[in-house]
């Protein structure tokens, strides 16, 4: 049932022109999971709204406060990060699939690049 709920949320995030980015890296799943959650919460200052390590997903909200001098909160964007186990060149790897609603694809690509550097 929880998987169905996650799929419904991911489908809701995916509008007709929804972008998403992915990156496959040669990490163990347990390393990748903890690093991804920490990256979102600490580095990206995202509010984690739901997560499931066994299913491999994190739902979060990003707030756009950059450059605001008026002190008012910026717009909030919903996002999802999925970690999927794959095989690359015969070796286990993790595919990070990131989607942030209503943001251009370069935002997702930049986030994945920063995550990779972690």
N, C-alpha and C. Protein backbone atom coordinates (compact mmCIF):
# COMPACT_ATOMS: atom_id res chain seq x y z
N UNK A 1 0.81 -1.19 0.00
CA UNK A 1 0.00 0.00 0.00
C UNK A 1 0.86 1.26 0.00
N UNK A 2 1.96 1.23 0.77
CA UNK A 2 2.84 2.39 0.84
C UNK A 2 3.48 2.66 -0.52
N UNK A 3 3.84 1.60 -1.23
CA UNK A 3 4.43 1.76 -2.55
C UNK A 3 3.44 2.42 -3.50
N UNK A 4 2.18 2.05 -3.39
CA UNK A 4 1.15 2.66 -4.23
C UNK A 4 1.03 4.16 -3.93
N UNK A 5 1.11 4.51 -2.66
CA UNK A 5 1.05 5.92 -2.27
C UNK A 5 2.23 6.69 -2.83
N UNK A 6 3.41 6.09 -2.78
CA UNK A 6 4.62 6.73 -3.32
C UNK A 6 4.47 6.94 -4.82
N UNK A 7 3.99 5.92 -5.51
CA UNK A 7 3.79 6.05 -6.95
C UNK A 7 2.79 7.15 -7.28
N UNK A 8 1.74 7.27 -6.47
CA UNK A 8 0.75 8.32 -6.70
C UNK A 8 1.37 9.70 -6.51
N UNK A 9 2.20 9.86 -5.49
CA UNK A 9 2.85 11.15 -5.25
C UNK A 9 3.82 11.46 -6.38
N UNK A 10 4.60 10.47 -6.80
CA UNK A 10 5.54 10.70 -7.90
C UNK A 10 4.80 11.04 -9.19
N UNK A 11 3.68 10.40 -9.43
CA UNK A 11 2.88 10.71 -10.61
C UNK A 11 2.33 12.13 -10.53
N UNK A 12 1.94 12.56 -9.34
CA UNK A 12 1.42 13.92 -9.17
C UNK A 12 2.50 14.95 -9.44
N UNK A 13 3.75 14.62 -9.09
CA UNK A 13 4.85 15.53 -9.35
C UNK A 13 5.15 15.63 -10.84
N UNK A 14 4.84 14.58 -11.57
CA UNK A 14 5.18 14.52 -12.99
C UNK A 14 4.03 15.09 -13.81
N UNK A 15 4.15 16.35 -14.15
CA UNK A 15 3.18 16.98 -15.03
C UNK A 15 3.51 16.61 -16.46
N UNK A 16 2.78 17.17 -17.43
CA UNK A 16 3.00 16.83 -18.82
C UNK A 16 4.41 17.12 -19.31
N UNK A 17 5.03 18.18 -18.78
CA UNK A 17 6.37 18.53 -19.22
C UNK A 17 7.36 18.43 -18.07
N UNK A 18 7.10 17.53 -17.15
CA UNK A 18 7.94 17.41 -15.96
C UNK A 18 9.32 16.90 -16.34
N UNK A 19 10.30 17.53 -15.75
CA UNK A 19 11.68 17.11 -15.97
C UNK A 19 12.10 16.23 -14.82
N UNK A 20 13.10 15.44 -15.08
CA UNK A 20 13.72 14.68 -14.02
C UNK A 20 15.12 14.38 -14.48
N UNK A 21 15.99 14.19 -13.54
CA UNK A 21 17.38 13.92 -13.86
C UNK A 21 17.81 12.67 -13.12
N UNK A 22 18.77 11.96 -13.69
CA UNK A 22 19.29 10.80 -12.98
C UNK A 22 20.79 10.69 -13.20
N UNK A 23 21.41 10.01 -12.27
CA UNK A 23 22.85 9.79 -12.32
C UNK A 23 23.13 8.45 -11.68
N UNK A 24 23.97 7.64 -12.31
CA UNK A 24 24.32 6.33 -11.79
C UNK A 24 25.75 6.38 -11.28
N UNK A 25 25.91 5.97 -10.02
CA UNK A 25 27.22 6.02 -9.37
C UNK A 25 27.52 4.68 -8.72
N UNK A 26 28.79 4.33 -8.67
CA UNK A 26 29.22 3.03 -8.12
C UNK A 26 29.40 3.13 -6.61
N UNK A 27 28.29 3.14 -5.90
CA UNK A 27 28.31 3.15 -4.44
C UNK A 27 27.47 2.00 -3.92
N UNK A 28 27.74 1.61 -2.67
CA UNK A 28 26.86 0.65 -2.00
C UNK A 28 25.58 1.37 -1.64
N UNK A 29 24.48 0.64 -1.61
CA UNK A 29 23.17 1.25 -1.35
C UNK A 29 23.11 1.91 0.03
N UNK A 30 23.65 1.26 1.06
CA UNK A 30 23.58 1.83 2.40
C UNK A 30 24.36 3.13 2.50
N UNK A 31 25.52 3.21 1.85
CA UNK A 31 26.28 4.45 1.80
C UNK A 31 25.51 5.53 1.07
N UNK A 32 24.96 5.17 -0.06
CA UNK A 32 24.25 6.14 -0.90
C UNK A 32 23.01 6.67 -0.19
N UNK A 33 22.28 5.80 0.49
CA UNK A 33 21.05 6.22 1.17
C UNK A 33 21.35 7.27 2.23
N UNK A 34 22.25 6.96 3.14
CA UNK A 34 22.52 7.91 4.23
C UNK A 34 23.11 9.21 3.71
N UNK A 35 23.97 9.13 2.70
CA UNK A 35 24.56 10.34 2.12
C UNK A 35 23.49 11.19 1.43
N UNK A 36 22.56 10.54 0.73
CA UNK A 36 21.51 11.28 0.01
C UNK A 36 20.57 12.00 0.97
N UNK A 37 20.15 11.32 2.03
CA UNK A 37 19.25 11.95 3.01
C UNK A 37 19.96 13.11 3.70
N UNK A 38 21.20 12.89 4.12
CA UNK A 38 21.98 13.95 4.77
C UNK A 38 22.19 15.14 3.82
N UNK A 39 22.49 14.84 2.55
CA UNK A 39 22.70 15.89 1.56
C UNK A 39 21.45 16.77 1.43
N UNK A 40 20.29 16.14 1.31
CA UNK A 40 19.05 16.91 1.16
C UNK A 40 18.78 17.76 2.40
N UNK A 41 18.88 17.15 3.56
CA UNK A 41 18.53 17.85 4.80
C UNK A 41 19.54 18.92 5.18
N UNK A 42 20.81 18.63 5.07
CA UNK A 42 21.85 19.55 5.55
C UNK A 42 22.32 20.49 4.45
N UNK A 43 22.79 19.93 3.34
CA UNK A 43 23.39 20.76 2.29
C UNK A 43 22.36 21.56 1.51
N UNK A 44 21.25 20.94 1.18
CA UNK A 44 20.23 21.62 0.38
C UNK A 44 19.16 22.29 1.25
N UNK A 45 19.23 22.06 2.56
CA UNK A 45 18.27 22.63 3.52
C UNK A 45 16.82 22.30 3.13
N UNK A 46 16.63 21.09 2.63
CA UNK A 46 15.30 20.64 2.26
C UNK A 46 14.59 20.10 3.50
N UNK A 47 13.30 20.25 3.52
CA UNK A 47 12.49 19.67 4.59
C UNK A 47 12.04 18.29 4.11
N UNK A 48 12.49 17.25 4.80
CA UNK A 48 12.12 15.88 4.44
C UNK A 48 10.69 15.66 4.89
N UNK A 49 9.81 15.29 3.96
CA UNK A 49 8.41 15.08 4.30
C UNK A 49 8.06 13.61 4.42
N UNK A 50 8.83 12.73 3.78
CA UNK A 50 8.60 11.30 3.88
C UNK A 50 9.84 10.60 3.35
N UNK A 51 10.14 9.44 3.92
CA UNK A 51 11.27 8.66 3.42
C UNK A 51 11.07 7.21 3.81
N UNK A 52 11.63 6.34 2.99
CA UNK A 52 11.57 4.92 3.24
C UNK A 52 12.84 4.29 2.68
N UNK A 53 13.73 3.88 3.57
CA UNK A 53 15.01 3.32 3.16
C UNK A 53 14.82 2.02 2.38
N UNK A 54 13.86 1.19 2.80
CA UNK A 54 13.65 -0.09 2.11
C UNK A 54 13.14 0.11 0.69
N UNK A 55 12.23 1.06 0.51
CA UNK A 55 11.69 1.35 -0.82
C UNK A 55 12.64 2.24 -1.62
N UNK A 56 13.52 2.96 -0.94
CA UNK A 56 14.52 3.78 -1.61
C UNK A 56 14.02 5.11 -2.13
N UNK A 57 13.18 5.80 -1.35
CA UNK A 57 12.73 7.12 -1.80
C UNK A 57 12.75 8.12 -0.66
N UNK A 58 12.88 9.38 -1.04
CA UNK A 58 12.80 10.51 -0.11
C UNK A 58 11.92 11.56 -0.77
N UNK A 59 10.90 12.00 -0.07
CA UNK A 59 10.07 13.11 -0.52
C UNK A 59 10.52 14.33 0.28
N UNK A 60 10.61 15.49 -0.37
CA UNK A 60 11.12 16.66 0.32
C UNK A 60 10.50 17.93 -0.26
N UNK A 61 10.75 19.02 0.44
CA UNK A 61 10.34 20.35 -0.03
C UNK A 61 11.56 21.26 0.00
N UNK A 62 11.75 22.01 -1.07
CA UNK A 62 12.81 23.01 -1.16
C UNK A 62 12.17 24.39 -1.11
N UNK A 63 12.76 25.27 -0.35
CA UNK A 63 12.25 26.64 -0.29
C UNK A 63 13.22 27.54 -1.03
N UNK A 64 12.70 28.38 -1.90
CA UNK A 64 13.51 29.32 -2.68
C UNK A 64 13.56 30.66 -1.95
N UNK A 65 14.57 30.81 -1.10
CA UNK A 65 14.73 32.05 -0.35
C UNK A 65 15.92 32.86 -0.84
N UNK A 66 16.62 32.38 -1.85
CA UNK A 66 17.82 33.04 -2.34
C UNK A 66 17.53 34.45 -2.83
N UNK A 67 18.33 35.38 -2.38
CA UNK A 67 18.24 36.74 -2.87
C UNK A 67 17.06 37.54 -2.34
N UNK A 68 16.33 37.01 -1.36
CA UNK A 68 15.18 37.73 -0.83
C UNK A 68 15.63 38.58 0.35
N UNK A 69 15.48 39.88 0.22
CA UNK A 69 15.89 40.79 1.28
C UNK A 69 14.72 41.18 2.17
N UNK A 70 13.50 40.84 1.78
CA UNK A 70 12.34 41.29 2.53
C UNK A 70 12.01 40.41 3.74
N UNK A 71 12.72 39.29 3.88
CA UNK A 71 12.50 38.41 5.03
C UNK A 71 11.29 37.51 4.91
N UNK A 72 10.51 37.66 3.86
CA UNK A 72 9.34 36.80 3.66
C UNK A 72 9.78 35.45 3.11
N UNK A 73 9.07 34.39 3.48
CA UNK A 73 9.46 33.08 2.96
C UNK A 73 9.25 33.00 1.45
N UNK A 74 10.16 32.29 0.80
CA UNK A 74 10.06 32.10 -0.64
C UNK A 74 9.11 30.98 -0.98
N UNK A 75 8.99 30.71 -2.26
CA UNK A 75 8.11 29.65 -2.75
C UNK A 75 8.69 28.29 -2.39
N UNK A 76 7.83 27.33 -2.13
CA UNK A 76 8.24 25.98 -1.80
C UNK A 76 7.98 25.06 -2.99
N UNK A 77 8.95 24.22 -3.29
CA UNK A 77 8.87 23.28 -4.40
C UNK A 77 8.96 21.86 -3.86
N UNK A 78 8.06 20.99 -4.30
CA UNK A 78 8.07 19.59 -3.88
C UNK A 78 9.03 18.80 -4.74
N UNK A 79 9.70 17.85 -4.11
CA UNK A 79 10.65 17.02 -4.85
C UNK A 79 10.66 15.59 -4.37
N UNK A 80 11.28 14.75 -5.16
CA UNK A 80 11.42 13.34 -4.82
C UNK A 80 12.78 12.85 -5.31
N UNK A 81 13.41 12.04 -4.48
CA UNK A 81 14.66 11.40 -4.85
C UNK A 81 14.47 9.90 -4.66
N UNK A 82 14.76 9.14 -5.71
CA UNK A 82 14.64 7.69 -5.65
C UNK A 82 16.02 7.10 -5.86
N UNK A 83 16.33 6.07 -5.10
CA UNK A 83 17.58 5.33 -5.25
C UNK A 83 17.23 3.94 -5.74
N UNK A 84 17.74 3.57 -6.90
CA UNK A 84 17.46 2.27 -7.48
C UNK A 84 18.76 1.50 -7.69
N UNK A 85 18.78 0.26 -7.29
CA UNK A 85 19.95 -0.58 -7.51
C UNK A 85 19.98 -1.02 -8.97
N UNK A 86 21.14 -0.85 -9.61
CA UNK A 86 21.34 -1.24 -11.00
C UNK A 86 22.70 -1.92 -11.12
N UNK A 87 22.98 -2.42 -12.29
CA UNK A 87 24.28 -3.00 -12.57
C UNK A 87 24.92 -2.20 -13.69
N UNK A 88 26.15 -1.77 -13.48
CA UNK A 88 26.88 -1.00 -14.49
C UNK A 88 28.23 -1.65 -14.70
N UNK A 89 28.51 -2.06 -15.90
CA UNK A 89 29.76 -2.75 -16.23
C UNK A 89 29.98 -3.97 -15.35
N UNK A 90 28.89 -4.68 -15.07
CA UNK A 90 28.98 -5.90 -14.28
C UNK A 90 29.12 -5.67 -12.78
N UNK A 91 29.07 -4.43 -12.36
CA UNK A 91 29.23 -4.09 -10.94
C UNK A 91 27.96 -3.46 -10.41
N UNK A 92 27.63 -3.68 -9.13
CA UNK A 92 26.45 -3.04 -8.57
C UNK A 92 26.66 -1.53 -8.46
N UNK A 93 25.61 -0.79 -8.70
CA UNK A 93 25.66 0.67 -8.62
C UNK A 93 24.30 1.18 -8.17
N UNK A 94 24.24 2.46 -7.88
CA UNK A 94 22.99 3.09 -7.45
C UNK A 94 22.63 4.17 -8.46
N UNK A 95 21.39 4.13 -8.94
CA UNK A 95 20.89 5.20 -9.80
C UNK A 95 20.08 6.15 -8.94
N UNK A 96 20.49 7.41 -8.93
CA UNK A 96 19.78 8.47 -8.22
C UNK A 96 18.85 9.13 -9.22
N UNK A 97 17.57 9.12 -8.94
CA UNK A 97 16.58 9.73 -9.84
C UNK A 97 15.94 10.88 -9.07
N UNK A 98 16.12 12.09 -9.55
CA UNK A 98 15.69 13.29 -8.84
C UNK A 98 14.68 14.06 -9.66
N UNK A 99 13.64 14.50 -9.00
CA UNK A 99 12.63 15.33 -9.65
C UNK A 99 12.21 16.43 -8.68
N UNK A 100 12.20 17.66 -9.17
CA UNK A 100 11.72 18.80 -8.40
C UNK A 100 10.64 19.47 -9.25
N UNK A 101 9.43 19.51 -8.73
CA UNK A 101 8.29 20.04 -9.47
C UNK A 101 8.44 21.54 -9.73
N UNK A 102 8.05 21.96 -10.90
CA UNK A 102 8.01 23.37 -11.28
C UNK A 102 9.37 24.05 -11.29
N UNK A 103 10.41 23.29 -11.48
CA UNK A 103 11.76 23.86 -11.58
C UNK A 103 12.38 23.37 -12.88
N UNK A 104 13.27 24.17 -13.47
CA UNK A 104 13.93 23.72 -14.71
C UNK A 104 14.86 22.55 -14.43
N UNK A 105 15.15 21.78 -15.46
CA UNK A 105 15.95 20.56 -15.29
C UNK A 105 17.37 20.85 -14.81
N UNK A 106 17.88 22.04 -15.08
CA UNK A 106 19.24 22.33 -14.62
C UNK A 106 19.32 22.35 -13.10
N UNK A 107 18.22 22.64 -12.41
CA UNK A 107 18.20 22.62 -10.95
C UNK A 107 18.47 21.20 -10.46
N UNK A 108 17.80 20.23 -11.06
CA UNK A 108 17.99 18.83 -10.68
C UNK A 108 19.40 18.36 -11.03
N UNK A 109 19.88 18.71 -12.21
CA UNK A 109 21.23 18.32 -12.61
C UNK A 109 22.28 18.90 -11.67
N UNK A 110 22.11 20.16 -11.29
CA UNK A 110 23.05 20.80 -10.37
C UNK A 110 23.01 20.12 -9.00
N UNK A 111 21.82 19.77 -8.53
CA UNK A 111 21.72 19.07 -7.25
C UNK A 111 22.41 17.72 -7.30
N UNK A 112 22.21 16.97 -8.38
CA UNK A 112 22.86 15.66 -8.50
C UNK A 112 24.38 15.80 -8.58
N UNK A 113 24.86 16.84 -9.23
CA UNK A 113 26.30 17.07 -9.30
C UNK A 113 26.86 17.36 -7.91
N UNK A 114 26.14 18.18 -7.12
CA UNK A 114 26.59 18.45 -5.76
C UNK A 114 26.53 17.18 -4.90
N UNK A 115 25.52 16.37 -5.08
CA UNK A 115 25.42 15.11 -4.35
C UNK A 115 26.58 14.19 -4.71
N UNK A 116 26.92 14.12 -5.97
CA UNK A 116 28.03 13.27 -6.42
C UNK A 116 29.33 13.70 -5.76
N UNK A 117 29.54 14.98 -5.58
CA UNK A 117 30.77 15.49 -4.96
C UNK A 117 30.86 15.12 -3.49
N UNK A 118 29.70 14.86 -2.87
CA UNK A 118 29.69 14.47 -1.46
C UNK A 118 30.29 13.12 -1.33
